[in-house]
């Protein structure tokens, strides 16, 4: 590779987004990284500075278009986040709500469409979108949180990306674990098969660090282009660690 790929990572100060940025920054010969977030303070806390950061809202197209100029690829790690409300009575189950202006329809649908449109306008060649498993089930419990239908809106945005004409890699992660990466065997599938009937010896979770590694490898491996897939892991104690990502992506399929 003669010149590093110029990458914009949105949601760069999130728990998974920050891991993606750190992994990309550790490979300066392959990648030159720009970051998009909302909080300069949070960026400074995580990375020590705001160098190569752009700040704004994914609902503001101008901010996105400014950040993405000159980029070869876009990594989308933004997501609406429900917040737990304090129970009004002792023993009552907690309820969740989304902040004003940050419902999944706004963040996971319109916000992602804004990013895809900005990428297309800028001539970006590849978009890696991190989604969630469960999108084939309208009754999934995540859709009930704050009455947000978050997985439904994520799925609609994924379809928009597939139809955009830009090369895509859609990574639908299982339950995110705050554990070290590089210690498990990754398992890929499609359409929530692994949620509906989980085979013995396979979990429905995946460390965030392993998701971040999948993103990095998807930017490098041609086998990851124009694929959408679910990804989980085997338990660490039972796993042969995944190192051959070209072979892993070869198991995945095109289309939503």
C-alpha atoms as a PDB file:
ATOM      1  CA  UNK A   1       0.000   0.000   0.000  1.00  0.00           C
ATOM      2  CA  UNK A   2       1.740   3.163  -1.205  1.00  0.00           C
ATOM      3  CA  UNK A   3      -0.279   5.649   0.837  1.00  0.00           C
ATOM      4  CA  UNK A   4      -2.208   5.129   4.062  1.00  0.00           C
ATOM      5  CA  UNK A   5      -5.972   4.879   3.739  1.00  0.00           C
ATOM      6  CA  UNK A   6      -7.657   8.015   5.074  1.00  0.00           C
ATOM      7  CA  UNK A   7     -10.375   6.876   7.494  1.00  0.00           C
ATOM      8  CA  UNK A   8     -13.080   8.854   9.293  1.00  0.00           C
ATOM      9  CA  UNK A   9     -14.425   7.171  12.436  1.00  0.00           C
ATOM     10  CA  UNK A  10     -17.708   8.540  13.799  1.00  0.00           C
ATOM     11  CA  UNK A  11     -18.715   7.773  17.365  1.00  0.00           C
ATOM     12  CA  UNK A  12     -14.988   7.874  18.041  1.00  0.00           C
ATOM     13  CA  UNK A  13     -15.280   8.543  21.772  1.00  0.00           C
ATOM     14  CA  UNK A  14     -17.648   5.649  22.419  1.00  0.00           C
ATOM     15  CA  UNK A  15     -16.488   2.509  24.186  1.00  0.00           C
ATOM     16  CA  UNK A  16     -16.112   0.554  20.952  1.00  0.00           C
ATOM     17  CA  UNK A  17     -15.307   3.560  18.762  1.00  0.00           C
ATOM     18  CA  UNK A  18     -12.320   4.552  20.866  1.00  0.00           C
ATOM     19  CA  UNK A  19     -10.907   1.021  20.551  1.00  0.00           C
ATOM     20  CA  UNK A  20     -11.276   1.195  16.775  1.00  0.00           C
ATOM     21  CA  UNK A  21      -9.433   4.524  16.683  1.00  0.00           C
ATOM     22  CA  UNK A  22      -6.605   3.199  18.844  1.00  0.00           C
ATOM     23  CA  UNK A  23      -6.180   0.108  16.660  1.00  0.00           C
ATOM     24  CA  UNK A  24      -6.123   2.193  13.474  1.00  0.00           C
ATOM     25  CA  UNK A  25      -3.660   4.674  14.963  1.00  0.00           C
ATOM     26  CA  UNK A  26      -1.363   1.772  15.834  1.00  0.00           C
ATOM     27  CA  UNK A  27      -1.016   1.047  12.085  1.00  0.00           C
ATOM     28  CA  UNK A  28       0.223   4.371  10.645  1.00  0.00           C
ATOM     29  CA  UNK A  29       1.564   2.784   7.451  1.00  0.00           C
ATOM     30  CA  UNK A  30      -1.890   1.441   6.598  1.00  0.00           C
ATOM     31  CA  UNK A  31      -4.179   4.130   8.018  1.00  0.00           C
ATOM     32  CA  UNK A  32      -4.446   7.865   8.577  1.00  0.00           C
ATOM     33  CA  UNK A  33      -7.287   8.504  11.010  1.00  0.00           C
ATOM     34  CA  UNK A  34      -9.737  11.349  11.471  1.00  0.00           C
ATOM     35  CA  UNK A  35     -12.308  11.237  14.258  1.00  0.00           C
ATOM     36  CA  UNK A  36     -15.814  12.656  14.662  1.00  0.00           C
ATOM     37  CA  UNK A  37     -17.446  13.161  18.051  1.00  0.00           C
ATOM     38  CA  UNK A  38     -19.545  15.511  20.117  1.00  0.00           C
ATOM     39  CA  UNK A  39     -17.418  16.297  23.158  1.00  0.00           C
ATOM     40  CA  UNK A  40     -13.921  17.826  23.087  1.00  0.00           C
ATOM     41  CA  UNK A  41     -13.673  17.093  26.816  1.00  0.00           C
ATOM     42  CA  UNK A  42     -14.371  13.396  26.314  1.00  0.00           C
ATOM     43  CA  UNK A  43     -11.915  13.225  23.422  1.00  0.00           C
ATOM     44  CA  UNK A  44      -9.212  14.766  25.584  1.00  0.00           C
ATOM     45  CA  UNK A  45      -9.959  12.387  28.448  1.00  0.00           C
ATOM     46  CA  UNK A  46      -9.642   9.338  26.200  1.00  0.00           C
ATOM     47  CA  UNK A  47      -6.909  10.334  23.746  1.00  0.00           C
ATOM     48  CA  UNK A  48      -5.050  13.095  25.558  1.00  0.00           C
ATOM     49  CA  UNK A  49      -5.797  15.693  22.883  1.00  0.00           C
ATOM     50  CA  UNK A  50      -8.289  16.683  20.201  1.00  0.00           C
ATOM     51  CA  UNK A  51      -5.808  16.382  17.335  1.00  0.00           C
ATOM     52  CA  UNK A  52      -7.454  15.118  14.138  1.00  0.00           C
ATOM     53  CA  UNK A  53     -10.883  15.426  15.759  1.00  0.00           C
ATOM     54  CA  UNK A  54     -13.965  17.064  14.274  1.00  0.00           C
ATOM     55  CA  UNK A  55     -16.872  17.908  16.539  1.00  0.00           C
ATOM     56  CA  UNK A  56     -20.550  18.213  15.807  1.00  0.00           C
ATOM     57  CA  UNK A  57     -23.785  16.294  15.476  1.00  0.00           C
ATOM     58  CA  UNK A  58     -24.487  13.570  12.931  1.00  0.00           C
ATOM     59  CA  UNK A  59     -27.801  15.384  12.420  1.00  0.00           C
ATOM     60  CA  UNK A  60     -25.843  18.343  10.982  1.00  0.00           C
ATOM     61  CA  UNK A  61     -24.822  17.539   7.420  1.00  0.00           C
ATOM     62  CA  UNK A  62     -22.336  20.410   7.118  1.00  0.00           C
ATOM     63  CA  UNK A  63     -20.276  19.155  10.057  1.00  0.00           C
ATOM     64  CA  UNK A  64     -20.117  15.677   8.540  1.00  0.00           C
ATOM     65  CA  UNK A  65     -19.252  16.943   5.069  1.00  0.00           C
ATOM     66  CA  UNK A  66     -16.394  19.005   6.468  1.00  0.00           C
ATOM     67  CA  UNK A  67     -14.951  16.069   8.406  1.00  0.00           C
ATOM     68  CA  UNK A  68     -15.140  13.527   5.604  1.00  0.00           C
ATOM     69  CA  UNK A  69     -13.350  15.511   2.884  1.00  0.00           C
ATOM     70  CA  UNK A  70     -10.482  13.486   1.432  1.00  0.00           C
ATOM     71  CA  UNK A  71     -11.441  10.209   3.107  1.00  0.00           C
ATOM     72  CA  UNK A  72     -11.224   6.801   1.453  1.00  0.00           C
ATOM     73  CA  UNK A  73     -13.437   5.028   3.996  1.00  0.00           C
ATOM     74  CA  UNK A  74     -15.953   5.769   6.727  1.00  0.00           C
ATOM     75  CA  UNK A  75     -16.493   3.731   9.903  1.00  0.00           C
ATOM     76  CA  UNK A  76     -19.898   4.343  11.514  1.00  0.00           C
ATOM     77  CA  UNK A  77     -20.017   3.633  15.233  1.00  0.00           C
ATOM     78  CA  UNK A  78     -22.792   6.012  16.269  1.00  0.00           C
ATOM     79  CA  UNK A  79     -25.866   4.715  18.067  1.00  0.00           C
ATOM     80  CA  UNK A  80     -28.763   6.038  20.108  1.00  0.00           C
ATOM     81  CA  UNK A  81     -28.301   5.248  23.798  1.00  0.00           C
ATOM     82  CA  UNK A  82     -31.249   4.694  26.159  1.00  0.00           C
ATOM     83  CA  UNK A  83     -30.905   6.005  29.680  1.00  0.00           C
ATOM     84  CA  UNK A  84     -32.384   4.308  32.716  1.00  0.00           C
ATOM     85  CA  UNK A  85     -34.953   6.307  34.652  1.00  0.00           C
ATOM     86  CA  UNK A  86     -35.083   5.972  38.418  1.00  0.00           C
ATOM     87  CA  UNK A  87     -38.011   3.753  39.530  1.00  0.00           C
ATOM     88  CA  UNK A  88     -40.831   5.728  41.112  1.00  0.00           C
ATOM     89  CA  UNK A  89     -41.432   2.970  43.639  1.00  0.00           C
ATOM     90  CA  UNK A  90     -39.171   0.533  45.481  1.00  0.00           C
ATOM     91  CA  UNK A  91     -39.048  -2.803  43.705  1.00  0.00           C
ATOM     92  CA  UNK A  92     -40.442  -1.431  40.473  1.00  0.00           C
ATOM     93  CA  UNK A  93     -38.668  -2.456  37.284  1.00  0.00           C
ATOM     94  CA  UNK A  94     -36.584   0.374  35.807  1.00  0.00           C
ATOM     95  CA  UNK A  95     -37.753   2.123  32.664  1.00  0.00           C
ATOM     96  CA  UNK A  96     -35.630   3.524  29.877  1.00  0.00           C
ATOM     97  CA  UNK A  97     -35.903   6.663  27.784  1.00  0.00           C
ATOM     98  CA  UNK A  98     -33.867   8.373  25.087  1.00  0.00           C
ATOM     99  CA  UNK A  99     -32.713  12.001  25.494  1.00  0.00           C
ATOM    100  CA  UNK A 100     -34.726  14.618  23.644  1.00  0.00           C
ATOM    101  CA  UNK A 101     -33.737  14.749  19.997  1.00  0.00           C
ATOM    102  CA  UNK A 102     -31.823  11.471  20.219  1.00  0.00           C
ATOM    103  CA  UNK A 103     -34.438   8.841  19.474  1.00  0.00           C
ATOM    104  CA  UNK A 104     -33.310   5.895  17.323  1.00  0.00           C
ATOM    105  CA  UNK A 105     -35.261   7.238  14.359  1.00  0.00           C
ATOM    106  CA  UNK A 106     -33.097  10.359  14.547  1.00  0.00           C
ATOM    107  CA  UNK A 107     -29.705   8.840  15.453  1.00  0.00           C
ATOM    108  CA  UNK A 108     -29.758   5.316  14.022  1.00  0.00           C
ATOM    109  CA  UNK A 109     -31.737   6.168  10.912  1.00  0.00           C
ATOM    110  CA  UNK A 110     -31.506   9.824   9.899  1.00  0.00           C
ATOM    111  CA  UNK A 111     -28.074  10.277  11.448  1.00  0.00           C
ATOM    112  CA  UNK A 112     -26.721   7.273   9.603  1.00  0.00           C
ATOM    113  CA  UNK A 113     -28.353   8.373   6.356  1.00  0.00           C
ATOM    114  CA  UNK A 114     -26.636  11.740   6.775  1.00  0.00           C
ATOM    115  CA  UNK A 115     -23.293   9.988   7.149  1.00  0.00           C
ATOM    116  CA  UNK A 116     -23.858   7.755   4.124  1.00  0.00           C
ATOM    117  CA  UNK A 117     -24.940  10.729   2.007  1.00  0.00           C
ATOM    118  CA  UNK A 118     -21.913  12.773   3.095  1.00  0.00           C
ATOM    119  CA  UNK A 119     -19.652   9.835   2.241  1.00  0.00           C
ATOM    120  CA  UNK A 120     -21.206   9.460  -1.193  1.00  0.00           C
ATOM    121  CA  UNK A 121     -20.824  13.188  -1.873  1.00  0.00           C
ATOM    122  CA  UNK A 122     -17.153  13.027  -0.863  1.00  0.00           C
ATOM    123  CA  UNK A 123     -16.395  10.022  -3.066  1.00  0.00           C
ATOM    124  CA  UNK A 124     -15.762   7.617  -0.198  1.00  0.00           C
ATOM    125  CA  UNK A 125     -15.133   4.092  -1.504  1.00  0.00           C
ATOM    126  CA  UNK A 126     -16.039   1.922   1.503  1.00  0.00           C
ATOM    127  CA  UNK A 127     -18.279   2.197   4.580  1.00  0.00           C
ATOM    128  CA  UNK A 128     -17.985  -0.111   7.568  1.00  0.00           C
ATOM    129  CA  UNK A 129     -21.142   0.075   9.679  1.00  0.00           C
ATOM    130  CA  UNK A 130     -21.353  -1.466  13.134  1.00  0.00           C
ATOM    131  CA  UNK A 131     -24.861  -2.647  13.940  1.00  0.00           C
ATOM    132  CA  UNK A 132     -26.486  -5.086  16.329  1.00  0.00           C
ATOM    133  CA  UNK A 133     -27.860  -8.571  16.097  1.00  0.00           C
ATOM    134  CA  UNK A 134     -31.602  -8.978  16.638  1.00  0.00           C
ATOM    135  CA  UNK A 135     -32.818  -6.820  13.757  1.00  0.00           C
ATOM    136  CA  UNK A 136     -34.946  -9.576  12.206  1.00  0.00           C
ATOM    137  CA  UNK A 137     -37.185  -9.711  15.303  1.00  0.00           C
ATOM    138  CA  UNK A 138     -39.552  -6.748  15.647  1.00  0.00           C
ATOM    139  CA  UNK A 139     -40.442  -8.007  19.138  1.00  0.00           C
ATOM    140  CA  UNK A 140     -36.827  -8.043  20.347  1.00  0.00           C
ATOM    141  CA  UNK A 141     -36.598  -6.523  23.831  1.00  0.00           C
ATOM    142  CA  UNK A 142     -34.176  -3.827  22.642  1.00  0.00           C
ATOM    143  CA  UNK A 143     -36.992  -2.401  20.494  1.00  0.00           C
ATOM    144  CA  UNK A 144     -39.084  -1.897  23.622  1.00  0.00           C
ATOM    145  CA  UNK A 145     -36.529   0.303  25.396  1.00  0.00           C
ATOM    146  CA  UNK A 146     -37.920   3.816  25.463  1.00  0.00           C
ATOM    147  CA  UNK A 147     -40.380   2.753  22.743  1.00  0.00           C
ATOM    148  CA  UNK A 148     -37.503   3.446  20.371  1.00  0.00           C
ATOM    149  CA  UNK A 149     -37.609   0.455  18.002  1.00  0.00           C
ATOM    150  CA  UNK A 150     -33.864   0.828  17.814  1.00  0.00           C
ATOM    151  CA  UNK A 151     -33.133  -2.387  15.905  1.00  0.00           C
ATOM    152  CA  UNK A 152     -35.848  -1.638  13.363  1.00  0.00           C
ATOM    153  CA  UNK A 153     -34.331   1.764  12.580  1.00  0.00           C
ATOM    154  CA  UNK A 154     -30.822   0.298  12.435  1.00  0.00           C
ATOM    155  CA  UNK A 155     -32.003  -2.260   9.910  1.00  0.00           C
ATOM    156  CA  UNK A 156     -33.615   0.433   7.738  1.00  0.00           C
ATOM    157  CA  UNK A 157     -30.333   2.369   7.688  1.00  0.00           C
ATOM    158  CA  UNK A 158     -28.448  -0.785   6.755  1.00  0.00           C
ATOM    159  CA  UNK A 159     -30.742  -1.284   3.775  1.00  0.00           C
ATOM    160  CA  UNK A 160     -30.099   2.319   2.713  1.00  0.00           C
ATOM    161  CA  UNK A 161     -26.357   1.638   2.812  1.00  0.00           C
ATOM    162  CA  UNK A 162     -26.722  -1.537   0.746  1.00  0.00           C
ATOM    163  CA  UNK A 163     -28.731   0.425  -1.843  1.00  0.00           C
ATOM    164  CA  UNK A 164     -26.315   3.398  -1.862  1.00  0.00           C
ATOM    165  CA  UNK A 165     -23.862   1.973  -4.386  1.00  0.00           C
ATOM    166  CA  UNK A 166     -20.916   2.410  -1.992  1.00  0.00           C
ATOM    167  CA  UNK A 167     -18.962  -0.701  -1.031  1.00  0.00           C
ATOM    168  CA  UNK A 168     -20.144  -1.727   2.429  1.00  0.00           C
ATOM    169  CA  UNK A 169     -19.338  -4.017   5.315  1.00  0.00           C
ATOM    170  CA  UNK A 170     -22.141  -4.340   7.871  1.00  0.00           C
ATOM    171  CA  UNK A 171     -20.995  -5.931  11.124  1.00  0.00           C
ATOM    172  CA  UNK A 172     -23.869  -6.932  13.409  1.00  0.00           C
ATOM    173  CA  UNK A 173     -22.221  -7.625  16.733  1.00  0.00           C
ATOM    174  CA  UNK A 174     -23.633  -9.816  19.449  1.00  0.00           C
ATOM    175  CA  UNK A 175     -23.790  -8.654  23.045  1.00  0.00           C
ATOM    176  CA  UNK A 176     -20.794  -6.410  23.681  1.00  0.00           C
ATOM    177  CA  UNK A 177     -18.382  -7.511  26.402  1.00  0.00           C
ATOM    178  CA  UNK A 178     -15.819  -5.317  28.139  1.00  0.00           C
ATOM    179  CA  UNK A 179     -13.081  -7.940  27.916  1.00  0.00           C
ATOM    180  CA  UNK A 180      -9.707  -8.235  26.224  1.00  0.00           C
ATOM    181  CA  UNK A 181      -9.718  -9.127  22.556  1.00  0.00           C
ATOM    182  CA  UNK A 182      -7.643 -11.587  20.575  1.00  0.00           C
ATOM    183  CA  UNK A 183      -8.416 -14.514  22.872  1.00  0.00           C
ATOM    184  CA  UNK A 184     -11.440 -16.090  21.170  1.00  0.00           C
ATOM    185  CA  UNK A 185     -12.573 -17.757  17.989  1.00  0.00           C
ATOM    186  CA  UNK A 186     -15.010 -15.594  16.040  1.00  0.00           C
ATOM    187  CA  UNK A 187     -18.151 -17.086  14.508  1.00  0.00           C
ATOM    188  CA  UNK A 188     -20.084 -15.407  11.684  1.00  0.00           C
ATOM    189  CA  UNK A 189     -23.608 -16.019  10.477  1.00  0.00           C
ATOM    190  CA  UNK A 190     -26.611 -14.115   9.140  1.00  0.00           C
ATOM    191  CA  UNK A 191     -30.203 -13.124   9.936  1.00  0.00           C
ATOM    192  CA  UNK A 192     -29.925 -13.829  13.679  1.00  0.00           C
ATOM    193  CA  UNK A 193     -29.594 -17.580  13.174  1.00  0.00           C
ATOM    194  CA  UNK A 194     -27.219 -17.742  16.141  1.00  0.00           C
ATOM    195  CA  UNK A 195     -29.725 -15.928  18.361  1.00  0.00           C
ATOM    196  CA  UNK A 196     -32.684 -18.066  17.370  1.00  0.00           C
ATOM    197  CA  UNK A 197     -30.877 -21.363  17.843  1.00  0.00           C
ATOM    198  CA  UNK A 198     -27.513 -20.950  19.523  1.00  0.00           C
ATOM    199  CA  UNK A 199     -25.341 -24.059  18.988  1.00  0.00           C
ATOM    200  CA  UNK A 200     -23.471 -25.603  21.895  1.00  0.00           C
ATOM    201  CA  UNK A 201     -20.044 -24.099  22.361  1.00  0.00           C
ATOM    202  CA  UNK A 202     -20.983 -20.698  20.936  1.00  0.00           C
ATOM    203  CA  UNK A 203     -21.912 -17.605  22.921  1.00  0.00           C
ATOM    204  CA  UNK A 204     -24.132 -14.714  21.850  1.00  0.00           C
ATOM    205  CA  UNK A 205     -21.539 -12.165  22.973  1.00  0.00           C
ATOM    206  CA  UNK A 206     -18.296 -10.681  21.692  1.00  0.00           C
ATOM    207  CA  UNK A 207     -15.633  -8.462  23.316  1.00  0.00           C
ATOM    208  CA  UNK A 208     -15.651  -4.882  22.064  1.00  0.00           C
ATOM    209  CA  UNK A 209     -11.946  -5.240  21.289  1.00  0.00           C
ATOM    210  CA  UNK A 210     -12.712  -8.109  18.925  1.00  0.00           C
ATOM    211  CA  UNK A 211     -15.355  -6.009  17.173  1.00  0.00           C
ATOM    212  CA  UNK A 212     -12.736  -3.298  16.768  1.00  0.00           C
ATOM    213  CA  UNK A 213     -10.338  -5.809  15.215  1.00  0.00           C
ATOM    214  CA  UNK A 214     -13.033  -6.954  12.784  1.00  0.00           C
ATOM    215  CA  UNK A 215     -13.415  -3.311  11.695  1.00  0.00           C
ATOM    216  CA  UNK A 216      -9.683  -2.922  11.071  1.00  0.00           C
ATOM    217  CA  UNK A 217      -9.481  -6.155   9.109  1.00  0.00           C
ATOM    218  CA  UNK A 218     -12.625  -5.308   7.113  1.00  0.00           C
ATOM    219  CA  UNK A 219     -10.891  -2.157   5.882  1.00  0.00           C
ATOM    220  CA  UNK A 220      -7.970  -4.252   4.623  1.00  0.00           C
ATOM    221  CA  UNK A 221      -9.525  -7.478   3.333  1.00  0.00           C
ATOM    222  CA  UNK A 222     -11.296  -7.558  -0.051  1.00  0.00           C
ATOM    223  CA  UNK A 223     -13.381 -10.532   1.183  1.00  0.00           C
ATOM    224  CA  UNK A 224     -15.193  -8.162   3.553  1.00  0.00           C
ATOM    225  CA  UNK A 225     -16.545  -5.901   0.800  1.00  0.00           C
ATOM    226  CA  UNK A 226     -20.287  -5.849   0.164  1.00  0.00           C
ATOM    227  CA  UNK A 227     -21.024  -8.261   3.008  1.00  0.00           C
ATOM    228  CA  UNK A 228     -23.397  -8.089   5.972  1.00  0.00           C
ATOM    229  CA  UNK A 229     -23.016 -10.544   8.825  1.00  0.00           C
ATOM    230  CA  UNK A 230     -23.591 -11.346  12.482  1.00  0.00           C
ATOM    231  CA  UNK A 231     -20.529 -12.001  14.620  1.00  0.00           C
ATOM    232  CA  UNK A 232     -20.186 -13.655  18.025  1.00  0.00           C
ATOM    233  CA  UNK A 233     -17.508 -15.810  19.674  1.00  0.00           C
ATOM    234  CA  UNK A 234     -16.828 -19.141  21.232  1.00  0.00           C
ATOM    235  CA  UNK A 235     -15.929 -19.034  24.939  1.00  0.00           C
ATOM    236  CA  UNK A 236     -12.314 -18.148  25.578  1.00  0.00           C
ATOM    237  CA  UNK A 237     -11.643 -21.504  27.246  1.00  0.00           C
ATOM    238  CA  UNK A 238     -12.838 -23.427  24.159  1.00  0.00           C
ATOM    239  CA  UNK A 239     -11.543 -21.225  21.411  1.00  0.00           C
ATOM    240  CA  UNK A 240      -8.922 -21.409  18.711  1.00  0.00           C
ATOM    241  CA  UNK A 241      -8.119 -17.717  18.347  1.00  0.00           C
ATOM    242  CA  UNK A 242      -9.179 -16.254  14.993  1.00  0.00           C
ATOM    243  CA  UNK A 243      -6.205 -14.880  13.071  1.00  0.00           C
ATOM    244  CA  UNK A 244      -7.144 -15.538   9.435  1.00  0.00           C
ATOM    245  CA  UNK A 245      -9.678 -12.806   8.741  1.00  0.00           C
ATOM    246  CA  UNK A 246      -9.708 -13.353   4.989  1.00  0.00           C
ATOM    247  CA  UNK A 247     -10.994 -16.881   5.643  1.00  0.00           C
ATOM    248  CA  UNK A 248     -13.503 -15.549   8.178  1.00  0.00           C
ATOM    249  CA  UNK A 249     -14.899 -12.994   5.731  1.00  0.00           C
ATOM    250  CA  UNK A 250     -15.047 -15.655   3.011  1.00  0.00           C
ATOM    251  CA  UNK A 251     -17.749 -17.322   5.119  1.00  0.00           C
ATOM    252  CA  UNK A 252     -19.956 -14.212   4.939  1.00  0.00           C
ATOM    253  CA  UNK A 253     -22.542 -13.319   2.298  1.00  0.00           C
ATOM    254  CA  UNK A 254     -23.543 -10.230   0.331  1.00  0.00           C
ATOM    255  CA  UNK A 255     -26.815  -8.363   0.777  1.00  0.00           C
ATOM    256  CA  UNK A 256     -28.730  -7.317   3.858  1.00  0.00           C
END
